């Protein structure tokens, strides 16, 4: 069963997270362009991209696997945001805001994955 990924709330929120990440990275120092900025953007883009790719797969088991990859990218992004706050590229408030958004999204994905038929 294929899912229409653009209609999935988990994909929509993941797109919001990617947008937030790009906005936050815009204020980082230029010398981080190939470091933390690149890593954060890559992780942020991976989150909705893996949802979309998984939604197009033939089985819900495959979809669940891509959701796991997406969740892994979200943890990676959260770690990078915490590092950015430690380096004073983000305020604690900014880091907390995206961390809360990621936590909310991770819970949404967990609940969504429970609806998938992954026993076949």
N, C-alpha and C. Protein backbone atom coordinates (compact mmCIF):
# COMPACT_ATOMS: atom_id res chain seq x y z
N UNK A 1 0.85 -1.18 0.00
CA UNK A 1 0.00 0.00 0.00
C UNK A 1 0.89 1.24 0.00
N UNK A 2 0.74 2.05 -1.01
CA UNK A 2 1.53 3.27 -1.09
C UNK A 2 0.81 4.41 -0.38
N UNK A 3 1.60 5.25 0.26
CA UNK A 3 1.07 6.40 0.97
C UNK A 3 1.34 7.65 0.14
N UNK A 4 0.44 8.59 0.22
CA UNK A 4 0.65 9.90 -0.43
C UNK A 4 1.42 10.75 0.57
N UNK A 5 2.74 10.79 0.38
CA UNK A 5 3.60 11.38 1.41
C UNK A 5 3.28 12.84 1.70
N UNK A 6 2.85 13.59 0.70
CA UNK A 6 2.56 15.01 0.93
C UNK A 6 1.35 15.22 1.82
N UNK A 7 0.51 14.20 1.95
CA UNK A 7 -0.66 14.29 2.82
C UNK A 7 -0.37 13.84 4.25
N UNK A 8 0.81 13.25 4.46
CA UNK A 8 1.16 12.75 5.79
C UNK A 8 1.62 13.89 6.69
N UNK A 9 1.02 13.98 7.86
CA UNK A 9 1.38 15.04 8.81
C UNK A 9 2.86 14.93 9.22
N UNK A 10 3.37 13.70 9.32
CA UNK A 10 4.78 13.53 9.70
C UNK A 10 5.71 14.13 8.64
N UNK A 11 5.32 14.06 7.37
CA UNK A 11 6.12 14.66 6.31
C UNK A 11 6.01 16.18 6.37
N UNK A 12 4.81 16.70 6.59
CA UNK A 12 4.60 18.15 6.65
C UNK A 12 5.41 18.78 7.78
N UNK A 13 5.39 18.14 8.95
CA UNK A 13 6.16 18.67 10.09
C UNK A 13 7.66 18.54 9.81
N UNK A 14 8.06 17.45 9.18
CA UNK A 14 9.47 17.28 8.81
C UNK A 14 9.93 18.39 7.85
N UNK A 15 9.06 18.78 6.96
CA UNK A 15 9.38 19.90 6.05
C UNK A 15 9.54 21.20 6.84
N UNK A 16 8.69 21.40 7.85
CA UNK A 16 8.81 22.58 8.72
C UNK A 16 10.15 22.57 9.45
N UNK A 17 10.55 21.41 9.94
CA UNK A 17 11.82 21.28 10.65
C UNK A 17 12.99 21.61 9.71
N UNK A 18 12.92 21.12 8.48
CA UNK A 18 13.98 21.43 7.52
C UNK A 18 14.05 22.94 7.26
N UNK A 19 12.90 23.57 7.12
CA UNK A 19 12.86 25.02 6.92
C UNK A 19 13.43 25.77 8.11
N UNK A 20 13.06 25.34 9.32
CA UNK A 20 13.59 25.97 10.54
C UNK A 20 15.11 25.84 10.57
N UNK A 21 15.60 24.68 10.20
CA UNK A 21 17.04 24.43 10.23
C UNK A 21 17.78 25.37 9.28
N UNK A 22 17.26 25.51 8.07
CA UNK A 22 17.90 26.42 7.11
C UNK A 22 17.90 27.85 7.64
N UNK A 23 16.80 28.27 8.25
CA UNK A 23 16.72 29.62 8.81
C UNK A 23 17.73 29.81 9.94
N UNK A 24 17.83 28.82 10.82
CA UNK A 24 18.76 28.92 11.94
C UNK A 24 20.22 28.96 11.47
N UNK A 25 20.52 28.15 10.47
CA UNK A 25 21.91 28.09 9.97
C UNK A 25 22.34 29.38 9.27
N UNK A 26 21.39 30.17 8.84
CA UNK A 26 21.72 31.40 8.10
C UNK A 26 22.54 32.37 8.94
N UNK A 27 22.43 32.28 10.26
CA UNK A 27 23.16 33.21 11.13
C UNK A 27 24.50 32.65 11.62
N UNK A 28 24.85 31.44 11.22
CA UNK A 28 26.11 30.83 11.66
C UNK A 28 27.28 31.54 10.98
N UNK A 29 28.46 31.44 11.58
CA UNK A 29 29.65 32.03 10.94
C UNK A 29 29.94 31.37 9.59
N UNK A 30 30.46 32.15 8.68
CA UNK A 30 30.75 31.66 7.32
C UNK A 30 31.72 30.48 7.33
N UNK A 31 32.63 30.44 8.30
CA UNK A 31 33.61 29.35 8.31
C UNK A 31 32.99 28.00 8.70
N UNK A 32 31.71 27.99 9.07
CA UNK A 32 31.00 26.74 9.35
C UNK A 32 30.24 26.21 8.13
N UNK A 33 30.38 26.91 7.00
CA UNK A 33 29.63 26.56 5.79
C UNK A 33 29.84 25.09 5.40
N UNK A 34 31.07 24.60 5.53
CA UNK A 34 31.36 23.22 5.13
C UNK A 34 31.43 22.28 6.34
N UNK A 35 31.12 22.81 7.50
CA UNK A 35 31.13 22.01 8.73
C UNK A 35 29.73 21.78 9.24
N UNK A 36 29.42 22.44 10.33
CA UNK A 36 28.15 22.22 11.00
C UNK A 36 26.95 22.59 10.15
N UNK A 37 27.04 23.67 9.39
CA UNK A 37 25.91 24.06 8.53
C UNK A 37 25.59 22.94 7.54
N UNK A 38 26.61 22.44 6.89
CA UNK A 38 26.41 21.37 5.90
C UNK A 38 25.83 20.13 6.54
N UNK A 39 26.35 19.74 7.70
CA UNK A 39 25.86 18.56 8.39
C UNK A 39 24.41 18.72 8.83
N UNK A 40 24.09 19.89 9.39
CA UNK A 40 22.72 20.13 9.87
C UNK A 40 21.73 20.15 8.72
N UNK A 41 22.10 20.81 7.64
CA UNK A 41 21.19 20.86 6.49
C UNK A 41 20.98 19.49 5.89
N UNK A 42 22.05 18.72 5.82
CA UNK A 42 21.94 17.37 5.26
C UNK A 42 21.02 16.49 6.11
N UNK A 43 21.18 16.56 7.43
CA UNK A 43 20.33 15.77 8.33
C UNK A 43 18.88 16.23 8.23
N UNK A 44 18.68 17.56 8.18
CA UNK A 44 17.32 18.11 8.12
C UNK A 44 16.61 17.70 6.83
N UNK A 45 17.33 17.72 5.71
CA UNK A 45 16.75 17.34 4.42
C UNK A 45 16.47 15.84 4.38
N UNK A 46 17.28 15.07 5.07
CA UNK A 46 17.12 13.62 5.10
C UNK A 46 15.81 13.20 5.77
N UNK A 47 15.35 14.00 6.72
CA UNK A 47 14.15 13.60 7.48
C UNK A 47 12.93 13.49 6.57
N UNK A 48 12.49 14.55 5.87
CA UNK A 48 11.33 14.39 4.99
C UNK A 48 11.64 13.56 3.75
N UNK A 49 12.89 13.58 3.30
CA UNK A 49 13.25 12.81 2.10
C UNK A 49 13.07 11.32 2.31
N UNK A 50 13.45 10.81 3.47
CA UNK A 50 13.29 9.39 3.75
C UNK A 50 11.83 9.01 3.93
N UNK A 51 11.03 9.92 4.45
CA UNK A 51 9.59 9.66 4.53
C UNK A 51 9.02 9.51 3.12
N UNK A 52 9.39 10.43 2.24
CA UNK A 52 8.89 10.39 0.86
C UNK A 52 9.35 9.12 0.15
N UNK A 53 10.63 8.79 0.30
CA UNK A 53 11.13 7.60 -0.36
C UNK A 53 10.44 6.34 0.17
N UNK A 54 10.30 6.26 1.48
CA UNK A 54 9.65 5.10 2.07
C UNK A 54 8.20 4.97 1.67
N UNK A 55 7.52 6.11 1.54
CA UNK A 55 6.10 6.08 1.16
C UNK A 55 5.90 5.48 -0.22
N UNK A 56 6.90 5.59 -1.07
CA UNK A 56 6.80 5.06 -2.43
C UNK A 56 7.20 3.60 -2.56
N UNK A 57 7.61 3.00 -1.49
CA UNK A 57 8.04 1.61 -1.53
C UNK A 57 6.84 0.67 -1.60
N UNK A 58 7.12 -0.56 -1.99
CA UNK A 58 6.05 -1.53 -2.21
C UNK A 58 5.43 -2.08 -0.93
N UNK A 59 6.19 -2.10 0.14
CA UNK A 59 5.64 -2.70 1.36
C UNK A 59 5.71 -1.74 2.54
N UNK A 60 4.85 -1.97 3.50
CA UNK A 60 4.87 -1.16 4.70
C UNK A 60 6.09 -1.49 5.56
N UNK A 61 6.63 -2.69 5.39
CA UNK A 61 7.88 -3.03 6.08
C UNK A 61 9.02 -2.15 5.57
N UNK A 62 9.08 -1.96 4.26
CA UNK A 62 10.09 -1.05 3.68
C UNK A 62 9.86 0.38 4.17
N UNK A 63 8.61 0.79 4.20
CA UNK A 63 8.28 2.14 4.65
C UNK A 63 8.75 2.34 6.09
N UNK A 64 8.49 1.34 6.94
CA UNK A 64 8.90 1.41 8.34
C UNK A 64 10.42 1.54 8.45
N UNK A 65 11.15 0.87 7.58
CA UNK A 65 12.61 0.95 7.59
C UNK A 65 13.07 2.36 7.26
N UNK A 66 12.44 3.00 6.28
CA UNK A 66 12.81 4.36 5.92
C UNK A 66 12.40 5.35 7.02
N UNK A 67 11.33 5.05 7.72
CA UNK A 67 10.95 5.90 8.86
C UNK A 67 12.01 5.83 9.95
N UNK A 68 12.58 4.64 10.16
CA UNK A 68 13.65 4.49 11.14
C UNK A 68 14.86 5.33 10.75
N UNK A 69 15.19 5.33 9.48
CA UNK A 69 16.31 6.14 8.99
C UNK A 69 16.02 7.62 9.23
N UNK A 70 14.79 8.02 8.96
CA UNK A 70 14.37 9.39 9.17
C UNK A 70 14.50 9.79 10.64
N UNK A 71 14.09 8.91 11.54
CA UNK A 71 14.21 9.17 12.97
C UNK A 71 15.69 9.29 13.36
N UNK A 72 16.52 8.44 12.80
CA UNK A 72 17.95 8.54 13.07
C UNK A 72 18.51 9.89 12.66
N UNK A 73 18.07 10.39 11.52
CA UNK A 73 18.50 11.72 11.06
C UNK A 73 18.02 12.81 12.00
N UNK A 74 16.84 12.61 12.60
CA UNK A 74 16.32 13.61 13.54
C UNK A 74 17.18 13.67 14.80
N UNK A 75 17.66 12.53 15.27
CA UNK A 75 18.54 12.51 16.44
C UNK A 75 19.89 13.15 16.09
N UNK A 76 20.34 12.89 14.89
CA UNK A 76 21.58 13.51 14.42
C UNK A 76 21.43 15.03 14.41
N UNK A 77 20.33 15.52 13.86
CA UNK A 77 20.08 16.96 13.81
C UNK A 77 19.98 17.55 15.21
N UNK A 78 19.31 16.85 16.11
CA UNK A 78 19.19 17.36 17.48
C UNK A 78 20.56 17.50 18.14
N UNK A 79 21.42 16.52 17.95
CA UNK A 79 22.77 16.58 18.48
C UNK A 79 23.54 17.76 17.90
N UNK A 80 23.39 17.98 16.61
CA UNK A 80 24.08 19.09 15.96
C UNK A 80 23.56 20.43 16.46
N UNK A 81 22.27 20.52 16.74
CA UNK A 81 21.72 21.76 17.30
C UNK A 81 22.27 22.02 18.70
N UNK A 82 22.42 20.97 19.48
CA UNK A 82 22.99 21.11 20.81
C UNK A 82 24.45 21.56 20.73
N UNK A 83 25.18 21.04 19.76
CA UNK A 83 26.55 21.50 19.55
C UNK A 83 26.57 22.96 19.13
N UNK A 84 25.66 23.33 18.23
CA UNK A 84 25.60 24.73 17.78
C UNK A 84 25.31 25.66 18.95
N UNK A 85 24.48 25.23 19.88
CA UNK A 85 24.21 26.04 21.07
C UNK A 85 25.45 26.11 21.96
N UNK A 86 26.14 25.00 22.07
CA UNK A 86 27.38 24.97 22.87
C UNK A 86 28.43 25.93 22.30
N UNK A 87 28.45 26.04 20.98
CA UNK A 87 29.42 26.94 20.32
C UNK A 87 28.90 28.37 20.21
N UNK A 88 27.70 28.60 20.80
CA UNK A 88 27.05 29.92 20.77
C UNK A 88 26.63 30.39 19.37
N UNK A 89 26.36 29.43 18.49
CA UNK A 89 25.80 29.76 17.17
C UNK A 89 24.28 29.86 17.27
N UNK A 90 23.71 29.15 18.24
CA UNK A 90 22.28 29.21 18.54
C UNK A 90 22.12 29.62 19.99
N UNK A 91 21.04 30.32 20.27
CA UNK A 91 20.72 30.60 21.66
C UNK A 91 20.12 29.33 22.27
N UNK A 92 20.10 29.27 23.58
CA UNK A 92 19.46 28.13 24.25
C UNK A 92 17.99 28.06 23.86
N UNK A 93 17.37 29.22 23.69
CA UNK A 93 15.95 29.26 23.29
C UNK A 93 15.76 28.67 21.89
N UNK A 94 16.62 29.03 20.95
CA UNK A 94 16.52 28.48 19.60
C UNK A 94 16.73 26.97 19.60
N UNK A 95 17.76 26.53 20.31
CA UNK A 95 18.04 25.09 20.38
C UNK A 95 16.88 24.35 21.04
N UNK A 96 16.31 24.95 22.07
CA UNK A 96 15.18 24.33 22.75
C UNK A 96 13.96 24.23 21.85
N UNK A 97 13.74 25.26 21.05
CA UNK A 97 12.59 25.28 20.15
C UNK A 97 12.67 24.16 19.12
N UNK A 98 13.83 24.01 18.48
CA UNK A 98 13.94 22.95 17.47
C UNK A 98 14.00 21.58 18.13
N UNK A 99 14.59 21.50 19.31
CA UNK A 99 14.63 20.23 20.04
C UNK A 99 13.22 19.77 20.41
N UNK A 100 12.40 20.70 20.86
CA UNK A 100 11.00 20.38 21.18
C UNK A 100 10.24 19.94 19.94
N UNK A 101 10.47 20.62 18.82
CA UNK A 101 9.81 20.27 17.56
C UNK A 101 10.22 18.87 17.12
N UNK A 102 11.51 18.56 17.26
CA UNK A 102 12.00 17.23 16.89
C UNK A 102 11.41 16.17 17.80
N UNK A 103 11.31 16.45 19.09
CA UNK A 103 10.73 15.50 20.04
C UNK A 103 9.27 15.22 19.70
N UNK A 104 8.53 16.28 19.41
CA UNK A 104 7.12 16.13 19.02
C UNK A 104 7.02 15.28 17.76
N UNK A 105 7.87 15.55 16.79
CA UNK A 105 7.85 14.82 15.53
C UNK A 105 8.20 13.35 15.75
N UNK A 106 9.20 13.08 16.58
CA UNK A 106 9.59 11.69 16.85
C UNK A 106 8.44 10.90 17.47
N UNK A 107 7.69 11.54 18.37
CA UNK A 107 6.52 10.87 18.95
C UNK A 107 5.45 10.61 17.89
N UNK A 108 5.27 11.56 16.99
CA UNK A 108 4.30 11.38 15.90
C UNK A 108 4.68 10.18 15.03
N UNK A 109 5.95 10.07 14.70
CA UNK A 109 6.42 8.96 13.86
C UNK A 109 6.24 7.64 14.59
N UNK A 110 6.55 7.62 15.86
CA UNK A 110 6.38 6.40 16.65
C UNK A 110 4.92 5.93 16.58
N UNK A 111 3.98 6.85 16.77
CA UNK A 111 2.56 6.51 16.71
C UNK A 111 2.16 6.07 15.30
N UNK A 112 2.67 6.76 14.29
CA UNK A 112 2.35 6.41 12.91
C UNK A 112 2.87 5.02 12.57
N UNK A 113 4.07 4.71 13.00
CA UNK A 113 4.65 3.39 12.69
C UNK A 113 3.81 2.26 13.27
N UNK A 114 3.15 2.51 14.39
CA UNK A 114 2.30 1.49 15.00
C UNK A 114 1.10 1.15 14.10
N UNK A 115 0.74 2.05 13.19
CA UNK A 115 -0.41 1.80 12.30
C UNK A 115 -0.02 0.99 11.07
N UNK A 116 1.27 0.83 10.83
CA UNK A 116 1.72 0.11 9.64
C UNK A 116 1.64 -1.40 9.87
N UNK A 117 1.31 -2.11 8.81
CA UNK A 117 1.28 -3.57 8.86
C UNK A 117 2.67 -4.05 8.44
N UNK A 118 3.52 -4.35 9.41
CA UNK A 118 4.88 -4.77 9.11
C UNK A 118 5.10 -6.25 9.37
N UNK A 119 4.03 -7.01 9.46
CA UNK A 119 4.14 -8.44 9.76
C UNK A 119 4.23 -9.29 8.50
N UNK A 120 4.02 -8.70 7.34
CA UNK A 120 4.04 -9.51 6.11
C UNK A 120 5.38 -9.47 5.45
